[in-house]
């Protein structure tokens, strides 16, 4: 018979989801990057425009990564729950099968 430490897997899932939340938080502040280049080069409007585009692309990338990481955390917690349910079901069937009819 196999076994996993379901509470530990759930805790890992929660930690991974927390990391996804931190990534989402980091993505939320990226739009402010477009203002970081203002005044860096006098009269360089292109720098500000390019910085805004770069910031948006980074935001999209980091938001996507956050979603993937959160999804993995959800999968870990679901797997722990599925294992416990399956293990309990198997134990019930074994107990029932062992009882004389």
PDB file of N, CA and C in Angstrom:
ATOM      1  N   UNK A   1       0.845  -1.179   0.000  1.00  0.00           N
ATOM      2  CA  UNK A   1       0.000   0.000   0.000  1.00  0.00           C
ATOM      3  C   UNK A   1       0.891   1.244   0.000  1.00  0.00           C
ATOM      4  N   UNK A   2       0.468   2.218  -0.706  1.00  0.00           N
ATOM      5  CA  UNK A   2       1.231   3.466  -0.766  1.00  0.00           C
ATOM      6  C   UNK A   2       0.574   4.500   0.128  1.00  0.00           C
ATOM      7  N   UNK A   3       1.342   5.512   0.454  1.00  0.00           N
ATOM      8  CA  UNK A   3       0.804   6.561   1.299  1.00  0.00           C
ATOM      9  C   UNK A   3       1.533   7.866   1.000  1.00  0.00           C
ATOM     10  N   UNK A   4       0.865   8.958   1.242  1.00  0.00           N
ATOM     11  CA  UNK A   4       1.479  10.276   1.177  1.00  0.00           C
ATOM     12  C   UNK A   4       1.126  11.003   2.460  1.00  0.00           C
ATOM     13  N   UNK A   5       1.890  11.990   2.760  1.00  0.00           N
ATOM     14  CA  UNK A   5       1.595  12.841   3.911  1.00  0.00           C
ATOM     15  C   UNK A   5       0.663  13.946   3.407  1.00  0.00           C
ATOM     16  N   UNK A   6      -0.637  13.642   3.398  1.00  0.00           N
ATOM     17  CA  UNK A   6      -1.622  14.567   2.825  1.00  0.00           C
ATOM     18  C   UNK A   6      -1.562  15.964   3.454  1.00  0.00           C
ATOM     19  N   UNK A   7      -1.445  16.082   4.789  1.00  0.00           N
ATOM     20  CA  UNK A   7      -1.349  17.435   5.349  1.00  0.00           C
ATOM     21  C   UNK A   7      -0.116  18.198   4.833  1.00  0.00           C
ATOM     22  N   UNK A   8       0.993  17.482   4.645  1.00  0.00           N
ATOM     23  CA  UNK A   8       2.195  18.140   4.129  1.00  0.00           C
ATOM     24  C   UNK A   8       1.996  18.571   2.678  1.00  0.00           C
ATOM     25  N   UNK A   9       1.321  17.734   1.882  1.00  0.00           N
ATOM     26  CA  UNK A   9       1.064  18.093   0.485  1.00  0.00           C
ATOM     27  C   UNK A   9       0.109  19.282   0.425  1.00  0.00           C
ATOM     28  N   UNK A  10      -0.899  19.292   1.296  1.00  0.00           N
ATOM     29  CA  UNK A  10      -1.801  20.458   1.347  1.00  0.00           C
ATOM     30  C   UNK A  10      -1.025  21.724   1.720  1.00  0.00           C
ATOM     31  N   UNK A  11      -0.111  21.590   2.691  1.00  0.00           N
ATOM     32  CA  UNK A  11       0.698  22.745   3.110  1.00  0.00           C
ATOM     33  C   UNK A  11       1.587  23.221   1.962  1.00  0.00           C
ATOM     34  N   UNK A  12       2.159  22.282   1.210  1.00  0.00           N
ATOM     35  CA  UNK A  12       2.957  22.668   0.042  1.00  0.00           C
ATOM     36  C   UNK A  12       2.083  23.405  -0.967  1.00  0.00           C
ATOM     37  N   UNK A  13       0.875  22.892  -1.178  1.00  0.00           N
ATOM     38  CA  UNK A  13      -0.051  23.548  -2.108  1.00  0.00           C
ATOM     39  C   UNK A  13      -0.368  24.964  -1.669  1.00  0.00           C
ATOM     40  N   UNK A  14      -0.585  25.141  -0.370  1.00  0.00           N
ATOM     41  CA  UNK A  14      -0.872  26.484   0.153  1.00  0.00           C
ATOM     42  C   UNK A  14       0.334  27.402  -0.024  1.00  0.00           C
ATOM     43  N   UNK A  15       1.529  26.871   0.216  1.00  0.00           N
ATOM     44  CA  UNK A  15       2.740  27.672   0.052  1.00  0.00           C
ATOM     45  C   UNK A  15       2.950  28.061  -1.415  1.00  0.00           C
ATOM     46  N   UNK A  16       2.712  27.114  -2.310  1.00  0.00           N
ATOM     47  CA  UNK A  16       2.864  27.395  -3.741  1.00  0.00           C
ATOM     48  C   UNK A  16       1.837  28.443  -4.176  1.00  0.00           C
ATOM     49  N   UNK A  17       0.611  28.310  -3.706  1.00  0.00           N
ATOM     50  CA  UNK A  17      -0.420  29.299  -4.031  1.00  0.00           C
ATOM     51  C   UNK A  17      -0.022  30.669  -3.484  1.00  0.00           C
ATOM     52  N   UNK A  18       0.562  30.689  -2.304  1.00  0.00           N
ATOM     53  CA  UNK A  18       1.052  31.946  -1.724  1.00  0.00           C
ATOM     54  C   UNK A  18       2.123  32.590  -2.592  1.00  0.00           C
ATOM     55  N   UNK A  19       2.981  31.767  -3.168  1.00  0.00           N
ATOM     56  CA  UNK A  19       3.995  32.278  -4.083  1.00  0.00           C
ATOM     57  C   UNK A  19       3.328  32.872  -5.319  1.00  0.00           C
ATOM     58  N   UNK A  20       2.291  32.198  -5.817  1.00  0.00           N
ATOM     59  CA  UNK A  20       1.532  32.738  -6.947  1.00  0.00           C
ATOM     60  C   UNK A  20       0.902  34.075  -6.608  1.00  0.00           C
ATOM     61  N   UNK A  21       0.401  34.190  -5.386  1.00  0.00           N
ATOM     62  CA  UNK A  21      -0.186  35.464  -4.951  1.00  0.00           C
ATOM     63  C   UNK A  21       0.874  36.569  -4.904  1.00  0.00           C
ATOM     64  N   UNK A  22       2.087  36.214  -4.458  1.00  0.00           N
ATOM     65  CA  UNK A  22       3.175  37.197  -4.419  1.00  0.00           C
ATOM     66  C   UNK A  22       3.553  37.638  -5.835  1.00  0.00           C
ATOM     67  N   UNK A  23       3.576  36.685  -6.761  1.00  0.00           N
ATOM     68  CA  UNK A  23       3.861  37.033  -8.155  1.00  0.00           C
ATOM     69  C   UNK A  23       2.792  37.969  -8.711  1.00  0.00           C
ATOM     70  N   UNK A  24       1.534  37.682  -8.392  1.00  0.00           N
ATOM     71  CA  UNK A  24       0.449  38.549  -8.851  1.00  0.00           C
ATOM     72  C   UNK A  24       0.606  39.954  -8.266  1.00  0.00           C
ATOM     73  N   UNK A  25       1.013  40.021  -7.013  1.00  0.00           N
ATOM     74  CA  UNK A  25       1.256  41.324  -6.391  1.00  0.00           C
ATOM     75  C   UNK A  25       2.386  42.080  -7.067  1.00  0.00           C
ATOM     76  N   UNK A  26       3.434  41.337  -7.448  1.00  0.00           N
ATOM     77  CA  UNK A  26       4.543  41.970  -8.156  1.00  0.00           C
ATOM     78  C   UNK A  26       4.091  42.473  -9.523  1.00  0.00           C
ATOM     79  N   UNK A  27       3.239  41.705 -10.185  1.00  0.00           N
ATOM     80  CA  UNK A  27       2.742  42.110 -11.507  1.00  0.00           C
ATOM     81  C   UNK A  27       1.902  43.383 -11.414  1.00  0.00           C
ATOM     82  N   UNK A  28       1.206  43.533 -10.301  1.00  0.00           N
ATOM     83  CA  UNK A  28       0.313  44.681 -10.145  1.00  0.00           C
ATOM     84  C   UNK A  28       1.062  46.015 -10.130  1.00  0.00           C
ATOM     85  N   UNK A  29       2.325  46.009  -9.700  1.00  0.00           N
ATOM     86  CA  UNK A  29       3.071  47.271  -9.616  1.00  0.00           C
ATOM     87  C   UNK A  29       3.885  47.562 -10.878  1.00  0.00           C
ATOM     88  N   UNK A  30       3.950  46.601 -11.782  1.00  0.00           N
ATOM     89  CA  UNK A  30       4.755  46.783 -12.993  1.00  0.00           C
ATOM     90  C   UNK A  30       4.307  47.980 -13.832  1.00  0.00           C
ATOM     91  N   UNK A  31       3.014  48.276 -13.963  1.00  0.00           N
ATOM     92  CA  UNK A  31       2.659  49.442 -14.783  1.00  0.00           C
ATOM     93  C   UNK A  31       3.340  50.739 -14.351  1.00  0.00           C
ATOM     94  N   UNK A  32       3.734  50.849 -13.110  1.00  0.00           N
ATOM     95  CA  UNK A  32       4.436  52.035 -12.638  1.00  0.00           C
ATOM     96  C   UNK A  32       5.833  52.170 -13.223  1.00  0.00           C
ATOM     97  N   UNK A  33       6.338  51.111 -13.816  1.00  0.00           N
ATOM     98  CA  UNK A  33       7.680  51.163 -14.415  1.00  0.00           C
ATOM     99  C   UNK A  33       7.764  52.191 -15.534  1.00  0.00           C
ATOM    100  N   UNK A  34       6.662  52.395 -16.223  1.00  0.00           N
ATOM    101  CA  UNK A  34       6.718  53.310 -17.366  1.00  0.00           C
ATOM    102  C   UNK A  34       7.152  54.707 -16.943  1.00  0.00           C
ATOM    103  N   UNK A  35       6.944  55.046 -15.685  1.00  0.00           N
ATOM    104  CA  UNK A  35       7.328  56.366 -15.209  1.00  0.00           C
ATOM    105  C   UNK A  35       8.774  56.403 -14.717  1.00  0.00           C
ATOM    106  N   UNK A  36       9.383  55.245 -14.574  1.00  0.00           N
ATOM    107  CA  UNK A  36      10.753  55.188 -14.071  1.00  0.00           C
ATOM    108  C   UNK A  36      11.746  55.827 -15.034  1.00  0.00           C
ATOM    109  N   UNK A  37      11.451  55.786 -16.333  1.00  0.00           N
ATOM    110  CA  UNK A  37      12.370  56.337 -17.316  1.00  0.00           C
ATOM    111  C   UNK A  37      12.171  57.801 -17.615  1.00  0.00           C
ATOM    112  N   UNK A  38      11.128  58.396 -17.048  1.00  0.00           N
ATOM    113  CA  UNK A  38      10.847  59.820 -17.336  1.00  0.00           C
ATOM    114  C   UNK A  38      12.027  60.684 -16.908  1.00  0.00           C
ATOM    115  N   UNK A  39      12.451  61.489 -17.799  1.00  0.00           N
ATOM    116  CA  UNK A  39      13.534  62.420 -17.484  1.00  0.00           C
ATOM    117  C   UNK A  39      14.908  61.789 -17.533  1.00  0.00           C
ATOM    118  N   UNK A  40      14.988  60.506 -17.862  1.00  0.00           N
ATOM    119  CA  UNK A  40      16.294  59.853 -17.918  1.00  0.00           C
ATOM    120  C   UNK A  40      17.141  60.444 -19.035  1.00  0.00           C
ATOM    121  N   UNK A  41      16.507  60.688 -20.153  1.00  0.00           N
ATOM    122  CA  UNK A  41      17.191  61.316 -21.283  1.00  0.00           C
ATOM    123  C   UNK A  41      16.313  62.477 -21.724  1.00  0.00           C
ATOM    124  N   UNK A  42      16.831  63.659 -21.624  1.00  0.00           N
ATOM    125  CA  UNK A  42      16.036  64.850 -21.926  1.00  0.00           C
ATOM    126  C   UNK A  42      15.445  64.780 -23.335  1.00  0.00           C
ATOM    127  N   UNK A  43      14.130  64.952 -23.418  1.00  0.00           N
ATOM    128  CA  UNK A  43      13.439  64.979 -24.692  1.00  0.00           C
ATOM    129  C   UNK A  43      13.211  63.618 -25.325  1.00  0.00           C
ATOM    130  N   UNK A  44      13.540  62.543 -24.651  1.00  0.00           N
ATOM    131  CA  UNK A  44      13.423  61.197 -25.221  1.00  0.00           C
ATOM    132  C   UNK A  44      12.041  60.630 -24.938  1.00  0.00           C
ATOM    133  N   UNK A  45      11.082  61.015 -25.749  1.00  0.00           N
ATOM    134  CA  UNK A  45       9.717  60.522 -25.617  1.00  0.00           C
ATOM    135  C   UNK A  45       9.668  59.030 -25.918  1.00  0.00           C
ATOM    136  N   UNK A  46      10.489  58.579 -26.845  1.00  0.00           N
ATOM    137  CA  UNK A  46      10.515  57.167 -27.239  1.00  0.00           C
ATOM    138  C   UNK A  46      10.841  56.285 -26.038  1.00  0.00           C
ATOM    139  N   UNK A  47      11.724  56.730 -25.180  1.00  0.00           N
ATOM    140  CA  UNK A  47      12.081  55.922 -24.006  1.00  0.00           C
ATOM    141  C   UNK A  47      10.859  55.639 -23.143  1.00  0.00           C
ATOM    142  N   UNK A  48      10.074  56.672 -22.899  1.00  0.00           N
ATOM    143  CA  UNK A  48       8.880  56.489 -22.063  1.00  0.00           C
ATOM    144  C   UNK A  48       7.888  55.551 -22.736  1.00  0.00           C
ATOM    145  N   UNK A  49       7.690  55.716 -24.045  1.00  0.00           N
ATOM    146  CA  UNK A  49       6.764  54.836 -24.763  1.00  0.00           C
ATOM    147  C   UNK A  49       7.243  53.392 -24.753  1.00  0.00           C
ATOM    148  N   UNK A  50       8.510  53.198 -25.023  1.00  0.00           N
ATOM    149  CA  UNK A  50       9.065  51.835 -25.031  1.00  0.00           C
ATOM    150  C   UNK A  50       9.017  51.222 -23.633  1.00  0.00           C
ATOM    151  N   UNK A  51       9.241  52.040 -22.612  1.00  0.00           N
ATOM    152  CA  UNK A  51       9.183  51.542 -21.240  1.00  0.00           C
ATOM    153  C   UNK A  51       7.769  51.104 -20.905  1.00  0.00           C
ATOM    154  N   UNK A  52       6.772  51.849 -21.378  1.00  0.00           N
ATOM    155  CA  UNK A  52       5.376  51.483 -21.130  1.00  0.00           C
ATOM    156  C   UNK A  52       5.054  50.154 -21.805  1.00  0.00           C
ATOM    157  N   UNK A  53       5.526  49.971 -23.033  1.00  0.00           N
ATOM    158  CA  UNK A  53       5.286  48.703 -23.741  1.00  0.00           C
ATOM    159  C   UNK A  53       5.991  47.550 -23.039  1.00  0.00           C
ATOM    160  N   UNK A  54       7.234  47.769 -22.656  1.00  0.00           N
ATOM    161  CA  UNK A  54       7.996  46.718 -21.972  1.00  0.00           C
ATOM    162  C   UNK A  54       7.324  46.355 -20.650  1.00  0.00           C
ATOM    163  N   UNK A  55       6.864  47.371 -19.932  1.00  0.00           N
ATOM    164  CA  UNK A  55       6.192  47.119 -18.653  1.00  0.00           C
ATOM    165  C   UNK A  55       4.934  46.293 -18.864  1.00  0.00           C
ATOM    166  N   UNK A  56       4.170  46.619 -19.890  1.00  0.00           N
ATOM    167  CA  UNK A  56       2.928  45.869 -20.143  1.00  0.00           C
ATOM    168  C   UNK A  56       3.223  44.420 -20.493  1.00  0.00           C
ATOM    169  N   UNK A  57       4.232  44.194 -21.330  1.00  0.00           N
ATOM    170  CA  UNK A  57       4.583  42.816 -21.692  1.00  0.00           C
ATOM    171  C   UNK A  57       5.078  42.032 -20.474  1.00  0.00           C
ATOM    172  N   UNK A  58       5.867  42.680 -19.623  1.00  0.00           N
ATOM    173  CA  UNK A  58       6.315  42.010 -18.402  1.00  0.00           C
ATOM    174  C   UNK A  58       5.137  41.714 -17.486  1.00  0.00           C
ATOM    175  N   UNK A  59       4.215  42.652 -17.388  1.00  0.00           N
ATOM    176  CA  UNK A  59       3.043  42.436 -16.535  1.00  0.00           C
ATOM    177  C   UNK A  59       2.253  41.221 -17.024  1.00  0.00           C
ATOM    178  N   UNK A  60       2.041  41.121 -18.317  1.00  0.00           N
ATOM    179  CA  UNK A  60       1.313  39.989 -18.869  1.00  0.00           C
ATOM    180  C   UNK A  60       2.047  38.688 -18.572  1.00  0.00           C
ATOM    181  N   UNK A  61       3.357  38.693 -18.737  1.00  0.00           N
ATOM    182  CA  UNK A  61       4.167  37.495 -18.489  1.00  0.00           C
ATOM    183  C   UNK A  61       4.100  37.072 -17.024  1.00  0.00           C
ATOM    184  N   UNK A  62       4.281  38.025 -16.130  1.00  0.00           N
ATOM    185  CA  UNK A  62       4.282  37.700 -14.698  1.00  0.00           C
ATOM    186  C   UNK A  62       2.887  37.298 -14.229  1.00  0.00           C
ATOM    187  N   UNK A  63       1.848  37.940 -14.763  1.00  0.00           N
ATOM    188  CA  UNK A  63       0.481  37.534 -14.414  1.00  0.00           C
ATOM    189  C   UNK A  63       0.214  36.098 -14.875  1.00  0.00           C
ATOM    190  N   UNK A  64       0.687  35.754 -16.065  1.00  0.00           N
ATOM    191  CA  UNK A  64       0.532  34.384 -16.560  1.00  0.00           C
ATOM    192  C   UNK A  64       1.261  33.385 -15.684  1.00  0.00           C
ATOM    193  N   UNK A  65       2.475  33.729 -15.287  1.00  0.00           N
ATOM    194  CA  UNK A  65       3.241  32.859 -14.396  1.00  0.00           C
ATOM    195  C   UNK A  65       2.533  32.702 -13.055  1.00  0.00           C
ATOM    196  N   UNK A  66       1.985  33.782 -12.535  1.00  0.00           N
ATOM    197  CA  UNK A  66       1.252  33.724 -11.268  1.00  0.00           C
ATOM    198  C   UNK A  66       0.070  32.770 -11.388  1.00  0.00           C
ATOM    199  N   UNK A  67      -0.633  32.840 -12.493  1.00  0.00           N
ATOM    200  CA  UNK A  67      -1.770  31.932 -12.708  1.00  0.00           C
ATOM    201  C   UNK A  67      -1.333  30.477 -12.757  1.00  0.00           C
ATOM    202  N   UNK A  68      -0.223  30.208 -13.431  1.00  0.00           N
ATOM    203  CA  UNK A  68       0.288  28.835 -13.496  1.00  0.00           C
ATOM    204  C   UNK A  68       0.697  28.327 -12.118  1.00  0.00           C
ATOM    205  N   UNK A  69       1.378  29.170 -11.358  1.00  0.00           N
ATOM    206  CA  UNK A  69       1.835  28.776 -10.022  1.00  0.00           C
ATOM    207  C   UNK A  69       0.636  28.551  -9.104  1.00  0.00           C
ATOM    208  N   UNK A  70      -0.328  29.437  -9.145  1.00  0.00           N
ATOM    209  CA  UNK A  70      -1.541  29.239  -8.335  1.00  0.00           C
ATOM    210  C   UNK A  70      -2.244  27.939  -8.727  1.00  0.00           C
ATOM    211  N   UNK A  71      -2.326  27.680 -10.020  1.00  0.00           N
ATOM    212  CA  UNK A  71      -2.955  26.447 -10.496  1.00  0.00           C
ATOM    213  C   UNK A  71      -2.243  25.207  -9.978  1.00  0.00           C
ATOM    214  N   UNK A  72      -0.912  25.260  -9.951  1.00  0.00           N
ATOM    215  CA  UNK A  72      -0.150  24.129  -9.422  1.00  0.00           C
ATOM    216  C   UNK A  72      -0.431  23.944  -7.932  1.00  0.00           C
ATOM    217  N   UNK A  73      -0.524  25.039  -7.191  1.00  0.00           N
ATOM    218  CA  UNK A  73      -0.875  24.946  -5.772  1.00  0.00           C
ATOM    219  C   UNK A  73      -2.247  24.330  -5.580  1.00  0.00           C
ATOM    220  N   UNK A  74      -3.199  24.738  -6.414  1.00  0.00           N
ATOM    221  CA  UNK A  74      -4.544  24.155  -6.361  1.00  0.00           C
ATOM    222  C   UNK A  74      -4.501  22.660  -6.670  1.00  0.00           C
ATOM    223  N   UNK A  75      -3.687  22.287  -7.668  1.00  0.00           N
ATOM    224  CA  UNK A  75      -3.558  20.877  -8.035  1.00  0.00           C
ATOM    225  C   UNK A  75      -2.978  20.047  -6.888  1.00  0.00           C
ATOM    226  N   UNK A  76      -2.000  20.593  -6.190  1.00  0.00           N
ATOM    227  CA  UNK A  76      -1.417  19.873  -5.053  1.00  0.00           C
ATOM    228  C   UNK A  76      -2.458  19.630  -3.962  1.00  0.00           C
ATOM    229  N   UNK A  77      -3.222  20.672  -3.633  1.00  0.00           N
ATOM    230  CA  UNK A  77      -4.241  20.511  -2.597  1.00  0.00           C
ATOM    231  C   UNK A  77      -5.319  19.533  -3.045  1.00  0.00           C
ATOM    232  N   UNK A  78      -5.712  19.595  -4.308  1.00  0.00           N
ATOM    233  CA  UNK A  78      -6.726  18.667  -4.823  1.00  0.00           C
ATOM    234  C   UNK A  78      -6.207  17.235  -4.809  1.00  0.00           C
ATOM    235  N   UNK A  79      -4.936  17.048  -5.164  1.00  0.00           N
ATOM    236  CA  UNK A  79      -4.354  15.705  -5.164  1.00  0.00           C
ATOM    237  C   UNK A  79      -4.334  15.120  -3.756  1.00  0.00           C
ATOM    238  N   UNK A  80      -4.010  15.939  -2.773  1.00  0.00           N
ATOM    239  CA  UNK A  80      -4.010  15.455  -1.387  1.00  0.00           C
ATOM    240  C   UNK A  80      -5.415  15.048  -0.978  1.00  0.00           C
ATOM    241  N   UNK A  81      -6.390  15.851  -1.314  1.00  0.00           N
ATOM    242  CA  UNK A  81      -7.782  15.517  -0.988  1.00  0.00           C
ATOM    243  C   UNK A  81      -8.246  14.263  -1.706  1.00  0.00           C
ATOM    244  N   UNK A  82      -7.882  14.130  -2.982  1.00  0.00           N
ATOM    245  CA  UNK A  82      -8.259  12.937  -3.755  1.00  0.00           C
ATOM    246  C   UNK A  82      -7.627  11.687  -3.169  1.00  0.00           C
ATOM    247  N   UNK A  83      -6.361  11.800  -2.755  1.00  0.00           N
ATOM    248  CA  UNK A  83      -5.691  10.638  -2.182  1.00  0.00           C
ATOM    249  C   UNK A  83      -6.377  10.211  -0.893  1.00  0.00           C
ATOM    250  N   UNK A  84      -6.681  11.162  -0.043  1.00  0.00           N
ATOM    251  CA  UNK A  84      -7.341  10.830   1.227  1.00  0.00           C
ATOM    252  C   UNK A  84      -8.699  10.188   0.967  1.00  0.00           C
ATOM    253  N   UNK A  85      -9.463  10.737   0.042  1.00  0.00           N
ATOM    254  CA  UNK A  85     -10.787  10.174  -0.272  1.00  0.00           C
ATOM    255  C   UNK A  85     -10.656   8.757  -0.819  1.00  0.00           C
ATOM    256  N   UNK A  86      -9.718   8.543  -1.721  1.00  0.00           N
ATOM    257  CA  UNK A  86      -9.509   7.212  -2.302  1.00  0.00           C
ATOM    258  C   UNK A  86      -9.024   6.233  -1.246  1.00  0.00           C
ATOM    259  N   UNK A  87      -8.110   6.689  -0.403  1.00  0.00           N
ATOM    260  CA  UNK A  87      -7.589   5.835   0.669  1.00  0.00           C
ATOM    261  C   UNK A  87      -8.709   5.439   1.628  1.00  0.00           C
ATOM    262  N   UNK A  88      -9.552   6.392   2.004  1.00  0.00           N
ATOM    263  CA  UNK A  88     -10.676   6.093   2.897  1.00  0.00           C
ATOM    264  C   UNK A  88     -11.671   5.135   2.247  1.00  0.00           C
ATOM    265  N   UNK A  89     -11.932   5.337   0.968  1.00  0.00           N
ATOM    266  CA  UNK A  89     -12.844   4.458   0.236  1.00  0.00           C
ATOM    267  C   UNK A  89     -12.289   3.036   0.193  1.00  0.00           C
ATOM    268  N   UNK A  90     -11.006   2.897  -0.078  1.00  0.00           N
ATOM    269  CA  UNK A  90     -10.388   1.569  -0.119  1.00  0.00           C
ATOM    270  C   UNK A  90     -10.441   0.907   1.255  1.00  0.00           C
ATOM    271  N   UNK A  91     -10.183   1.679   2.294  1.00  0.00           N
ATOM    272  CA  UNK A  91     -10.234   1.125   3.647  1.00  0.00           C
ATOM    273  C   UNK A  91     -11.647   0.652   3.986  1.00  0.00           C
ATOM    274  N   UNK A  92     -12.645   1.432   3.599  1.00  0.00           N
ATOM    275  CA  UNK A  92     -14.039   1.032   3.838  1.00  0.00           C
ATOM    276  C   UNK A  92     -14.372  -0.258   3.098  1.00  0.00           C
ATOM    277  N   UNK A  93     -13.940  -0.379   1.854  1.00  0.00           N
ATOM    278  CA  UNK A  93     -14.213  -1.582   1.083  1.00  0.00           C
ATOM    279  C   UNK A  93     -13.524  -2.801   1.663  1.00  0.00           C
ATOM    280  N   UNK A  94     -12.293  -2.612   2.146  1.00  0.00           N
ATOM    281  CA  UNK A  94     -11.576  -3.729   2.769  1.00  0.00           C
ATOM    282  C   UNK A  94     -12.278  -4.168   4.047  1.00  0.00           C
ATOM    283  N   UNK A  95     -12.717  -3.195   4.850  1.00  0.00           N
ATOM    284  CA  UNK A  95     -13.416  -3.533   6.088  1.00  0.00           C
ATOM    285  C   UNK A  95     -14.738  -4.248   5.791  1.00  0.00           C
ATOM    286  N   UNK A  96     -15.462  -3.775   4.796  1.00  0.00           N
ATOM    287  CA  UNK A  96     -16.740  -4.380   4.429  1.00  0.00           C
ATOM    288  C   UNK A  96     -16.539  -5.775   3.880  1.00  0.00           C
ATOM    289  N   UNK A  97     -15.503  -5.962   3.073  1.00  0.00           N
ATOM    290  CA  UNK A  97     -15.243  -7.273   2.465  1.00  0.00           C
ATOM    291  C   UNK A  97     -14.821  -8.300   3.517  1.00  0.00           C
ATOM    292  N   UNK A  98     -14.230  -7.832   4.595  1.00  0.00           N
ATOM    293  CA  UNK A  98     -13.753  -8.750   5.632  1.00  0.00           C
ATOM    294  C   UNK A  98     -14.828  -9.188   6.612  1.00  0.00           C
ATOM    295  N   UNK A  99     -16.025  -8.601   6.539  1.00  0.00           N
ATOM    296  CA  UNK A  99     -17.091  -8.940   7.473  1.00  0.00           C
ATOM    297  C   UNK A  99     -17.909 -10.097   6.894  1.00  0.00           C
ATOM    298  N   UNK A 100     -18.179 -11.094   7.704  1.00  0.00           N
ATOM    299  CA  UNK A 100     -19.022 -12.180   7.215  1.00  0.00           C
ATOM    300  C   UNK A 100     -20.437 -11.679   6.938  1.00  0.00           C
ATOM    301  N   UNK A 101     -21.014 -12.156   5.841  1.00  0.00           N
ATOM    302  CA  UNK A 101     -22.286 -11.680   5.355  1.00  0.00           C
ATOM    303  C   UNK A 101     -23.464 -12.118   6.081  1.00  0.00           C
TER     304      UNK A 101
END
